Amino acid sequence: DIINERTKFGKVVVHAMPSKLALKSRTLGQAQMIKVNAKSKSS
């Protein structure tokens, strides 16, 4: 099979991964901080 049938060494795969880039947004960040702190105190 390797000699006669295998025509490729492998397959090139291109895929998109979710970005881990942390962008600044003071309003959104403050809202998230308030939400997390409120949950963690009660939890």
All heavy atoms as atom14 arrays in JSON, in Angstrom:
{
  "sequence": "DIINERTKFGKVVVHAMPSKLALKSRTLGQAQMIKVNAKSKSS",
  "atom14_mask": [
    [1, 1, 1, 1, 1, 1, 1, 1, 0, 0, 0, 0, 0, 0],
    [1, 1, 1, 1, 1, 1, 1, 1, 0, 0, 0, 0, 0, 0],
    [1, 1, 1, 1, 1, 1, 1, 1, 0, 0, 0, 0, 0, 0],
    [1, 1, 1, 1, 1, 1, 1, 1, 0, 0, 0, 0, 0, 0],
    [1, 1, 1, 1, 1, 1, 1, 1, 1, 0, 0, 0, 0, 0],
    [1, 1, 1, 1, 1, 1, 1, 1, 1, 1, 1, 0, 0, 0],
    [1, 1, 1, 1, 1, 1, 1, 0, 0, 0, 0, 0, 0, 0],
    [1, 1, 1, 1, 1, 1, 1, 1, 1, 0, 0, 0, 0, 0],
    [1, 1, 1, 1, 1, 1, 1, 1, 1, 1, 1, 0, 0, 0],
    [1, 1, 1, 1, 0, 0, 0, 0, 0, 0, 0, 0, 0, 0],
    [1, 1, 1, 1, 1, 1, 1, 1, 1, 0, 0, 0, 0, 0],
    [1, 1, 1, 1, 1, 1, 1, 0, 0, 0, 0, 0, 0, 0],
    [1, 1, 1, 1, 1, 1, 1, 0, 0, 0, 0, 0, 0, 0],
    [1, 1, 1, 1, 1, 1, 1, 0, 0, 0, 0, 0, 0, 0],
    [1, 1, 1, 1, 1, 1, 1, 1, 1, 1, 0, 0, 0, 0],
    [1, 1, 1, 1, 1, 0, 0, 0, 0, 0, 0, 0, 0, 0],
    [1, 1, 1, 1, 1, 1, 1, 1, 0, 0, 0, 0, 0, 0],
    [1, 1, 1, 1, 1, 1, 1, 0, 0, 0, 0, 0, 0, 0],
    [1, 1, 1, 1, 1, 1, 0, 0, 0, 0, 0, 0, 0, 0],
    [1, 1, 1, 1, 1, 1, 1, 1, 1, 0, 0, 0, 0, 0],
    [1, 1, 1, 1, 1, 1, 1, 1, 0, 0, 0, 0, 0, 0],
    [1, 1, 1, 1, 1, 0, 0, 0, 0, 0, 0, 0, 0, 0],
    [1, 1, 1, 1, 1, 1, 1, 1, 0, 0, 0, 0, 0, 0],
    [1, 1, 1, 1, 1, 1, 1, 1, 1, 0, 0, 0, 0, 0],
    [1, 1, 1, 1, 1, 1, 0, 0, 0, 0, 0, 0, 0, 0],
    [1, 1, 1, 1, 1, 1, 1, 1, 1, 1, 1, 0, 0, 0],
    [1, 1, 1, 1, 1, 1, 1, 0, 0, 0, 0, 0, 0, 0],
    [1, 1, 1, 1, 1, 1, 1, 1, 0, 0, 0, 0, 0, 0],
    [1, 1, 1, 1, 0, 0, 0, 0, 0, 0, 0, 0, 0, 0],
    [1, 1, 1, 1, 1, 1, 1, 1, 1, 0, 0, 0, 0, 0],
    [1, 1, 1, 1, 1, 0, 0, 0, 0, 0, 0, 0, 0, 0],
    [1, 1, 1, 1, 1, 1, 1, 1, 1, 0, 0, 0, 0, 0],
    [1, 1, 1, 1, 1, 1, 1, 1, 0, 0, 0, 0, 0, 0],
    [1, 1, 1, 1, 1, 1, 1, 1, 0, 0, 0, 0, 0, 0],
    [1, 1, 1, 1, 1, 1, 1, 1, 1, 0, 0, 0, 0, 0],
    [1, 1, 1, 1, 1, 1, 1, 0, 0, 0, 0, 0, 0, 0],
    [1, 1, 1, 1, 1, 1, 1, 1, 0, 0, 0, 0, 0, 0],
    [1, 1, 1, 1, 1, 0, 0, 0, 0, 0, 0, 0, 0, 0],
    [1, 1, 1, 1, 1, 1, 1, 1, 1, 0, 0, 0, 0, 0],
    [1, 1, 1, 1, 1, 1, 0, 0, 0, 0, 0, 0, 0, 0],
    [1, 1, 1, 1, 1, 1, 1, 1, 1, 0, 0, 0, 0, 0],
    [1, 1, 1, 1, 1, 1, 0, 0, 0, 0, 0, 0, 0, 0],
    [1, 1, 1, 1, 1, 1, 0, 0, 0, 0, 0, 0, 0, 0]
  ],
  "atom14_positions": [
    [[0.83, -1.21, 0.0], [0.0, 0.0, 0.0], [0.86, 1.25, 0.0], [0.56, 2.23, -0.71], [-0.91, 0.01, 1.23], [-1.98, -1.07, 1.16], [-2.2, -1.61, 0.05], [-2.58, -1.37, 2.21], [0.0, 0.0, 0.0], [0.0, 0.0, 0.0], [0.0, 0.0, 0.0], [0.0, 0.0, 0.0], [0.0, 0.0, 0.0], [0.0, 0.0, 0.0]],
    [[1.94, 1.24, 0.83], [2.81, 2.4, 0.88], [3.47, 2.66, -0.47], [3.55, 3.79, -0.95], [3.89, 2.21, 1.97], [3.23, 2.19, 3.36], [4.95, 3.31, 1.9], [4.19, 1.86, 4.48], [0.0, 0.0, 0.0], [0.0, 0.0, 0.0], [0.0, 0.0, 0.0], [0.0, 0.0, 0.0], [0.0, 0.0, 0.0], [0.0, 0.0, 0.0]],
    [[3.92, 1.56, -1.13], [4.63, 1.7, -2.41], [3.69, 2.1, -3.53], [3.98, 2.98, -4.34], [5.35, 0.38, -2.76], [6.44, 0.09, -1.71], [5.95, 0.44, -4.15], [7.03, -1.29, -1.82], [0.0, 0.0, 0.0], [0.0, 0.0, 0.0], [0.0, 0.0, 0.0], [0.0, 0.0, 0.0], [0.0, 0.0, 0.0], [0.0, 0.0, 0.0]],
    [[2.51, 1.43, -3.59], [1.66, 1.57, -4.76], [0.47, 2.5, -4.59], [0.0, 3.09, -5.56], [1.13, 0.18, -5.17], [2.26, -0.77, -5.53], [3.24, -0.37, -6.14], [2.13, -2.03, -5.13], [0.0, 0.0, 0.0], [0.0, 0.0, 0.0], [0.0, 0.0, 0.0], [0.0, 0.0, 0.0], [0.0, 0.0, 0.0], [0.0, 0.0, 0.0]],
    [[-0.03, 2.63, -3.35], [-1.28, 3.35, -3.17], [-1.14, 4.66, -2.41], [-1.93, 5.57, -2.59], [-2.3, 2.45, -2.44], [-2.66, 1.19, -3.23], [-3.71, 0.35, -2.51], [-4.34, 0.88, -1.59], [-3.87, -0.82, -2.88], [0.0, 0.0, 0.0], [0.0, 0.0, 0.0], [0.0, 0.0, 0.0], [0.0, 0.0, 0.0], [0.0, 0.0, 0.0]],
    [[-0.16, 4.75, -1.51], [-0.01, 5.98, -0.76], [0.62, 7.06, -1.63], [1.74, 6.92, -2.09], [0.86, 5.75, 0.48], [0.26, 4.76, 1.48], [-1.02, 5.29, 2.06], [-1.66, 4.32, 2.94], [-2.84, 4.46, 3.49], [-3.53, 5.56, 3.24], [-3.35, 3.54, 4.27], [0.0, 0.0, 0.0], [0.0, 0.0, 0.0], [0.0, 0.0, 0.0]],
    [[-0.12, 8.12, -1.86], [0.35, 9.19, -2.73], [0.65, 10.48, -1.96], [1.09, 11.46, -2.54], [-0.69, 9.49, -3.82], [-1.94, 9.87, -3.19], [-0.92, 8.27, -4.69], [0.0, 0.0, 0.0], [0.0, 0.0, 0.0], [0.0, 0.0, 0.0], [0.0, 0.0, 0.0], [0.0, 0.0, 0.0], [0.0, 0.0, 0.0], [0.0, 0.0, 0.0]],
    [[0.36, 10.48, -0.65], [0.59, 11.68, 0.15], [1.35, 11.32, 1.42], [1.16, 10.24, 1.98], [-0.75, 12.33, 0.56], [-1.56, 12.88, -0.6], [-2.84, 13.52, -0.07], [-3.67, 14.1, -1.2], [-4.93, 14.72, -0.68], [0.0, 0.0, 0.0], [0.0, 0.0, 0.0], [0.0, 0.0, 0.0], [0.0, 0.0, 0.0], [0.0, 0.0, 0.0]],
    [[2.21, 12.24, 1.86], [2.89, 12.04, 3.14], [1.96, 12.36, 4.3], [2.08, 11.82, 5.38], [4.12, 12.95, 3.21], [5.15, 12.49, 4.2], [6.18, 11.66, 3.81], [5.06, 12.86, 5.53], [7.12, 11.21, 4.72], [5.99, 12.42, 6.46], [7.02, 11.59, 6.05], [0.0, 0.0, 0.0], [0.0, 0.0, 0.0], [0.0, 0.0, 0.0]],
    [[1.03, 13.23, 4.06], [0.05, 13.61, 5.08], [-0.91, 14.62, 4.5], [-0.98, 14.82, 3.29], [0.0, 0.0, 0.0], [0.0, 0.0, 0.0], [0.0, 0.0, 0.0], [0.0, 0.0, 0.0], [0.0, 0.0, 0.0], [0.0, 0.0, 0.0], [0.0, 0.0, 0.0], [0.0, 0.0, 0.0], [0.0, 0.0, 0.0], [0.0, 0.0, 0.0]],
    [[-1.66, 15.27, 5.34], [-2.65, 16.24, 4.91], [-2.4, 17.55, 5.63], [-2.22, 17.6, 6.85], [-4.06, 15.73, 5.23], [-5.17, 16.67, 4.79], [-6.53, 16.1, 5.16], [-7.64, 17.05, 4.74], [-8.98, 16.53, 5.13], [0.0, 0.0, 0.0], [0.0, 0.0, 0.0], [0.0, 0.0, 0.0], [0.0, 0.0, 0.0], [0.0, 0.0, 0.0]],
    [[-2.35, 18.62, 4.87], [-2.19, 19.95, 5.45], [-3.54, 20.4, 6.0], [-4.55, 20.39, 5.3], [-1.68, 20.95, 4.4], [-1.6, 22.34, 5.01], [-0.32, 20.52, 3.89], [0.0, 0.0, 0.0], [0.0, 0.0, 0.0], [0.0, 0.0, 0.0], [0.0, 0.0, 0.0], [0.0, 0.0, 0.0], [0.0, 0.0, 0.0], [0.0, 0.0, 0.0]],
    [[-3.56, 20.75, 7.27], [-4.8, 21.18, 7.94], [-4.65, 22.63, 8.36], [-3.69, 23.0, 9.03], [-5.1, 20.29, 9.17], [-6.37, 20.77, 9.87], [-5.22, 18.83, 8.76], [0.0, 0.0, 0.0], [0.0, 0.0, 0.0], [0.0, 0.0, 0.0], [0.0, 0.0, 0.0], [0.0, 0.0, 0.0], [0.0, 0.0, 0.0], [0.0, 0.0, 0.0]],
    [[-5.59, 23.44, 7.96], [-5.64, 24.84, 8.36], [-6.95, 25.06, 9.1], [-8.02, 24.81, 8.55], [-5.55, 25.79, 7.15], [-5.63, 27.25, 7.61], [-4.26, 25.55, 6.38], [0.0, 0.0, 0.0], [0.0, 0.0, 0.0], [0.0, 0.0, 0.0], [0.0, 0.0, 0.0], [0.0, 0.0, 0.0], [0.0, 0.0, 0.0], [0.0, 0.0, 0.0]],
    [[-6.87, 25.5, 10.34], [-8.09, 25.77, 11.08], [-7.92, 27.01, 11.95], [-6.8, 27.4, 12.28], [-8.49, 24.57, 11.95], [-7.52, 24.24, 13.02], [-6.43, 23.43, 12.81], [-7.45, 24.63, 14.31], [-5.74, 23.3, 13.92], [-6.33, 24.03, 14.86], [0.0, 0.0, 0.0], [0.0, 0.0, 0.0], [0.0, 0.0, 0.0], [0.0, 0.0, 0.0]],
    [[-9.02, 27.59, 12.3], [-9.0, 28.82, 13.1], [-9.3, 28.48, 14.55], [-10.26, 27.77, 14.85], [-10.04, 29.8, 12.57], [0.0, 0.0, 0.0], [0.0, 0.0, 0.0], [0.0, 0.0, 0.0], [0.0, 0.0, 0.0], [0.0, 0.0, 0.0], [0.0, 0.0, 0.0], [0.0, 0.0, 0.0], [0.0, 0.0, 0.0], [0.0, 0.0, 0.0]],
    [[-8.45, 28.98, 15.44], [-8.64, 28.79, 16.87], [-9.18, 30.08, 17.49], [-8.86, 31.18, 17.03], [-7.32, 28.41, 17.55], [-6.73, 27.11, 17.07], [-5.14, 26.77, 17.84], [-5.64, 26.62, 19.55], [0.0, 0.0, 0.0], [0.0, 0.0, 0.0], [0.0, 0.0, 0.0], [0.0, 0.0, 0.0], [0.0, 0.0, 0.0], [0.0, 0.0, 0.0]],
    [[-10.01, 29.97, 18.52], [-10.53, 31.18, 19.17], [-9.38, 32.05, 19.68], [-8.4, 31.56, 20.21], [-11.36, 30.63, 20.34], [-11.7, 29.24, 19.94], [-10.55, 28.75, 19.12], [0.0, 0.0, 0.0], [0.0, 0.0, 0.0], [0.0, 0.0, 0.0], [0.0, 0.0, 0.0], [0.0, 0.0, 0.0], [0.0, 0.0, 0.0], [0.0, 0.0, 0.0]],
    [[-9.52, 33.35, 19.51], [-8.48, 34.28, 19.95], [-8.45, 34.38, 21.47], [-9.48, 34.36, 22.14], [-8.74, 35.67, 19.35], [-7.81, 36.6, 19.87], [0.0, 0.0, 0.0], [0.0, 0.0, 0.0], [0.0, 0.0, 0.0], [0.0, 0.0, 0.0], [0.0, 0.0, 0.0], [0.0, 0.0, 0.0], [0.0, 0.0, 0.0], [0.0, 0.0, 0.0]],
    [[-7.23, 34.47, 22.0], [-7.04, 34.69, 23.43], [-6.65, 36.14, 23.72], [-6.2, 36.47, 24.81], [-5.96, 33.75, 23.97], [-6.37, 32.28, 23.98], [-5.31, 31.44, 24.66], [-5.74, 29.99, 24.74], [-4.72, 29.14, 25.42], [0.0, 0.0, 0.0], [0.0, 0.0, 0.0], [0.0, 0.0, 0.0], [0.0, 0.0, 0.0], [0.0, 0.0, 0.0]],
    [[-6.84, 37.01, 22.72], [-6.44, 38.4, 22.86], [-7.35, 39.1, 23.87], [-8.58, 39.08, 23.74], [-6.53, 39.08, 21.5], [-5.8, 40.41, 21.33], [-4.31, 40.22, 21.56], [-6.05, 40.98, 19.95], [0.0, 0.0, 0.0], [0.0, 0.0, 0.0], [0.0, 0.0, 0.0], [0.0, 0.0, 0.0], [0.0, 0.0, 0.0], [0.0, 0.0, 0.0]],
    [[-6.74, 39.7, 24.87], [-7.51, 40.41, 25.91], [-7.54, 41.9, 25.58], [-6.54, 42.6, 25.73], [-6.88, 40.17, 27.28], [0.0, 0.0, 0.0], [0.0, 0.0, 0.0], [0.0, 0.0, 0.0], [0.0, 0.0, 0.0], [0.0, 0.0, 0.0], [0.0, 0.0, 0.0], [0.0, 0.0, 0.0], [0.0, 0.0, 0.0], [0.0, 0.0, 0.0]],
    [[-8.7, 42.38, 25.1], [-8.86, 43.78, 24.76], [-9.45, 44.54, 25.93], [-10.2, 43.99, 26.74], [-9.76, 43.92, 23.52], [-9.26, 43.2, 22.27], [-10.25, 43.38, 21.14], [-7.89, 43.7, 21.86], [0.0, 0.0, 0.0], [0.0, 0.0, 0.0], [0.0, 0.0, 0.0], [0.0, 0.0, 0.0], [0.0, 0.0, 0.0], [0.0, 0.0, 0.0]],
    [[-9.11, 45.82, 26.01], [-9.57, 46.64, 27.13], [-10.97, 47.18, 26.87], [-11.27, 47.65, 25.78], [-8.61, 47.81, 27.35], [-7.2, 47.39, 27.74], [-6.3, 48.59, 27.9], [-4.88, 48.17, 28.27], [-3.99, 49.34, 28.38], [0.0, 0.0, 0.0], [0.0, 0.0, 0.0], [0.0, 0.0, 0.0], [0.0, 0.0, 0.0], [0.0, 0.0, 0.0]],
    [[-11.8, 47.08, 27.88], [-13.13, 47.69, 27.82], [-13.55, 47.95, 29.26], [-14.01, 47.07, 29.96], [-14.14, 46.77, 27.13], [-15.42, 47.33, 27.14], [0.0, 0.0, 0.0], [0.0, 0.0, 0.0], [0.0, 0.0, 0.0], [0.0, 0.0, 0.0], [0.0, 0.0, 0.0], [0.0, 0.0, 0.0], [0.0, 0.0, 0.0], [0.0, 0.0, 0.0]],
    [[-13.38, 49.21, 29.71], [-13.56, 49.49, 31.13], [-14.97, 49.21, 31.62], [-15.2, 48.62, 32.65], [-13.22, 50.96, 31.4], [-11.74, 51.29, 31.31], [-11.46, 52.69, 31.76], [-12.21, 53.62, 30.92], [-12.43, 54.89, 31.25], [-11.98, 55.37, 32.39], [-13.1, 55.69, 30.45], [0.0, 0.0, 0.0], [0.0, 0.0, 0.0], [0.0, 0.0, 0.0]],
    [[-15.94, 49.59, 30.82], [-17.32, 49.4, 31.25], [-17.67, 47.93, 31.35], [-18.2, 47.46, 32.34], [-18.29, 50.08, 30.25], [-17.92, 51.45, 30.15], [-19.72, 49.95, 30.73], [0.0, 0.0, 0.0], [0.0, 0.0, 0.0], [0.0, 0.0, 0.0], [0.0, 0.0, 0.0], [0.0, 0.0, 0.0], [0.0, 0.0, 0.0], [0.0, 0.0, 0.0]],
    [[-17.32, 47.17, 30.3], [-17.59, 45.74, 30.3], [-16.81, 45.05, 31.39], [-17.33, 44.22, 32.14], [-17.23, 45.14, 28.93], [-17.4, 43.63, 28.8], [-18.85, 43.24, 29.02], [-16.92, 43.16, 27.44], [0.0, 0.0, 0.0], [0.0, 0.0, 0.0], [0.0, 0.0, 0.0], [0.0, 0.0, 0.0], [0.0, 0.0, 0.0], [0.0, 0.0, 0.0]],
    [[-15.52, 45.42, 31.54], [-14.68, 44.79, 32.56], [-15.2, 45.03, 33.95], [-15.24, 44.14, 34.78], [0.0, 0.0, 0.0], [0.0, 0.0, 0.0], [0.0, 0.0, 0.0], [0.0, 0.0, 0.0], [0.0, 0.0, 0.0], [0.0, 0.0, 0.0], [0.0, 0.0, 0.0], [0.0, 0.0, 0.0], [0.0, 0.0, 0.0], [0.0, 0.0, 0.0]],
    [[-15.67, 46.27, 34.24], [-16.21, 46.56, 35.55], [-17.48, 45.78, 35.82], [-17.69, 45.27, 36.91], [-16.46, 48.07, 35.68], [-15.17, 48.88, 35.75], [-15.43, 50.37, 35.6], [-16.56, 50.79, 35.39], [-14.38, 51.17, 35.73], [0.0, 0.0, 0.0], [0.0, 0.0, 0.0], [0.0, 0.0, 0.0], [0.0, 0.0, 0.0], [0.0, 0.0, 0.0]],
    [[-18.31, 45.65, 34.8], [-19.56, 44.9, 34.98], [-19.25, 43.44, 35.28], [-19.88, 42.85, 36.16], [-20.41, 45.01, 33.71], [0.0, 0.0, 0.0], [0.0, 0.0, 0.0], [0.0, 0.0, 0.0], [0.0, 0.0, 0.0], [0.0, 0.0, 0.0], [0.0, 0.0, 0.0], [0.0, 0.0, 0.0], [0.0, 0.0, 0.0], [0.0, 0.0, 0.0]],
    [[-18.27, 42.88, 34.57], [-17.92, 41.49, 34.82], [-17.34, 41.32, 36.22], [-17.64, 40.37, 36.92], [-16.9, 41.01, 33.79], [-17.49, 40.82, 32.41], [-16.42, 40.45, 31.41], [-15.25, 40.74, 31.58], [-16.84, 39.8, 30.34], [0.0, 0.0, 0.0], [0.0, 0.0, 0.0], [0.0, 0.0, 0.0], [0.0, 0.0, 0.0], [0.0, 0.0, 0.0]],
    [[-16.5, 42.28, 36.67], [-15.88, 42.17, 37.98], [-16.93, 42.2, 39.08], [-16.9, 41.44, 40.02], [-14.88, 43.32, 38.17], [-14.09, 43.22, 39.47], [-13.05, 41.75, 39.52], [-11.81, 42.21, 38.34], [0.0, 0.0, 0.0], [0.0, 0.0, 0.0], [0.0, 0.0, 0.0], [0.0, 0.0, 0.0], [0.0, 0.0, 0.0], [0.0, 0.0, 0.0]],
    [[-17.91, 43.1, 38.91], [-18.98, 43.19, 39.89], [-19.77, 41.9, 39.95], [-20.09, 41.37, 41.01], [-19.91, 44.39, 39.56], [-19.17, 45.7, 39.76], [-21.16, 44.35, 40.43], [-19.9, 46.92, 39.23], [0.0, 0.0, 0.0], [0.0, 0.0, 0.0], [0.0, 0.0, 0.0], [0.0, 0.0, 0.0], [0.0, 0.0, 0.0], [0.0, 0.0, 0.0]],
    [[-20.02, 41.32, 38.77], [-20.8, 40.08, 38.71], [-20.06, 38.93, 39.36], [-20.62, 38.18, 40.16], [-21.11, 39.75, 37.24], [-21.96, 38.51, 37.07], [-22.22, 38.29, 35.59], [-23.06, 37.04, 35.38], [-23.3, 36.78, 33.95], [0.0, 0.0, 0.0], [0.0, 0.0, 0.0], [0.0, 0.0, 0.0], [0.0, 0.0, 0.0], [0.0, 0.0, 0.0]],
    [[-18.78, 38.81, 39.07], [-18.0, 37.71, 39.64], [-17.88, 37.84, 41.15], [-18.06, 36.89, 41.89], [-16.59, 37.66, 38.99], [-15.69, 36.71, 39.75], [-16.71, 37.23, 37.54], [0.0, 0.0, 0.0], [0.0, 0.0, 0.0], [0.0, 0.0, 0.0], [0.0, 0.0, 0.0], [0.0, 0.0, 0.0], [0.0, 0.0, 0.0], [0.0, 0.0, 0.0]],
    [[-17.58, 39.05, 41.61], [-17.43, 39.25, 43.05], [-18.71, 38.97, 43.79], [-18.71, 38.38, 44.87], [-16.96, 40.67, 43.34], [-15.48, 40.87, 42.98], [-14.78, 39.89, 42.84], [-15.05, 42.11, 42.85], [0.0, 0.0, 0.0], [0.0, 0.0, 0.0], [0.0, 0.0, 0.0], [0.0, 0.0, 0.0], [0.0, 0.0, 0.0], [0.0, 0.0, 0.0]],
    [[-19.84, 39.39, 43.2], [-21.12, 39.16, 43.86], [-21.39, 37.67, 43.99], [-21.84, 37.19, 45.03], [-22.23, 39.84, 43.08], [0.0, 0.0, 0.0], [0.0, 0.0, 0.0], [0.0, 0.0, 0.0], [0.0, 0.0, 0.0], [0.0, 0.0, 0.0], [0.0, 0.0, 0.0], [0.0, 0.0, 0.0], [0.0, 0.0, 0.0], [0.0, 0.0, 0.0]],
    [[-21.11, 36.9, 42.94], [-21.36, 35.46, 42.98], [-20.42, 34.77, 43.96], [-20.83, 33.91, 44.73], [-21.18, 34.85, 41.59], [-22.28, 35.2, 40.63], [-22.07, 34.5, 39.31], [-22.29, 33.02, 39.4], [-22.17, 32.33, 38.13], [0.0, 0.0, 0.0], [0.0, 0.0, 0.0], [0.0, 0.0, 0.0], [0.0, 0.0, 0.0], [0.0, 0.0, 0.0]],
    [[-19.12, 35.19, 43.93], [-18.14, 34.47, 44.73], [-18.37, 34.66, 46.22], [-18.12, 33.77, 47.01], [-16.72, 34.9, 44.35], [-16.53, 36.27, 44.63], [0.0, 0.0, 0.0], [0.0, 0.0, 0.0], [0.0, 0.0, 0.0], [0.0, 0.0, 0.0], [0.0, 0.0, 0.0], [0.0, 0.0, 0.0], [0.0, 0.0, 0.0], [0.0, 0.0, 0.0]],
    [[-18.85, 35.86, 46.62], [-19.1, 36.09, 48.04], [-20.17, 35.15, 48.55], [-20.02, 34.51, 49.58], [-19.49, 37.55, 48.26], [-18.32, 38.53, 48.15], [-18.79, 39.95, 48.37], [-17.63, 40.93, 48.22], [-18.06, 42.33, 48.39], [0.0, 0.0, 0.0], [0.0, 0.0, 0.0], [0.0, 0.0, 0.0], [0.0, 0.0, 0.0], [0.0, 0.0, 0.0]],
    [[-21.26, 35.06, 47.79], [-22.34, 34.19, 48.24], [-21.97, 32.73, 48.11], [-22.32, 31.91, 48.95], [-23.62, 34.49, 47.45], [-23.41, 34.22, 46.07], [0.0, 0.0, 0.0], [0.0, 0.0, 0.0], [0.0, 0.0, 0.0], [0.0, 0.0, 0.0], [0.0, 0.0, 0.0], [0.0, 0.0, 0.0], [0.0, 0.0, 0.0], [0.0, 0.0, 0.0]],
    [[-21.2, 32.39, 47.05], [-20.85, 30.99, 46.83], [-19.92, 30.47, 47.92], [-20.07, 29.35, 48.4], [-20.19, 30.81, 45.46], [-18.94, 31.46, 45.43], [0.0, 0.0, 0.0], [0.0, 0.0, 0.0], [0.0, 0.0, 0.0], [0.0, 0.0, 0.0], [0.0, 0.0, 0.0], [0.0, 0.0, 0.0], [0.0, 0.0, 0.0], [0.0, 0.0, 0.0]]
  ]
}
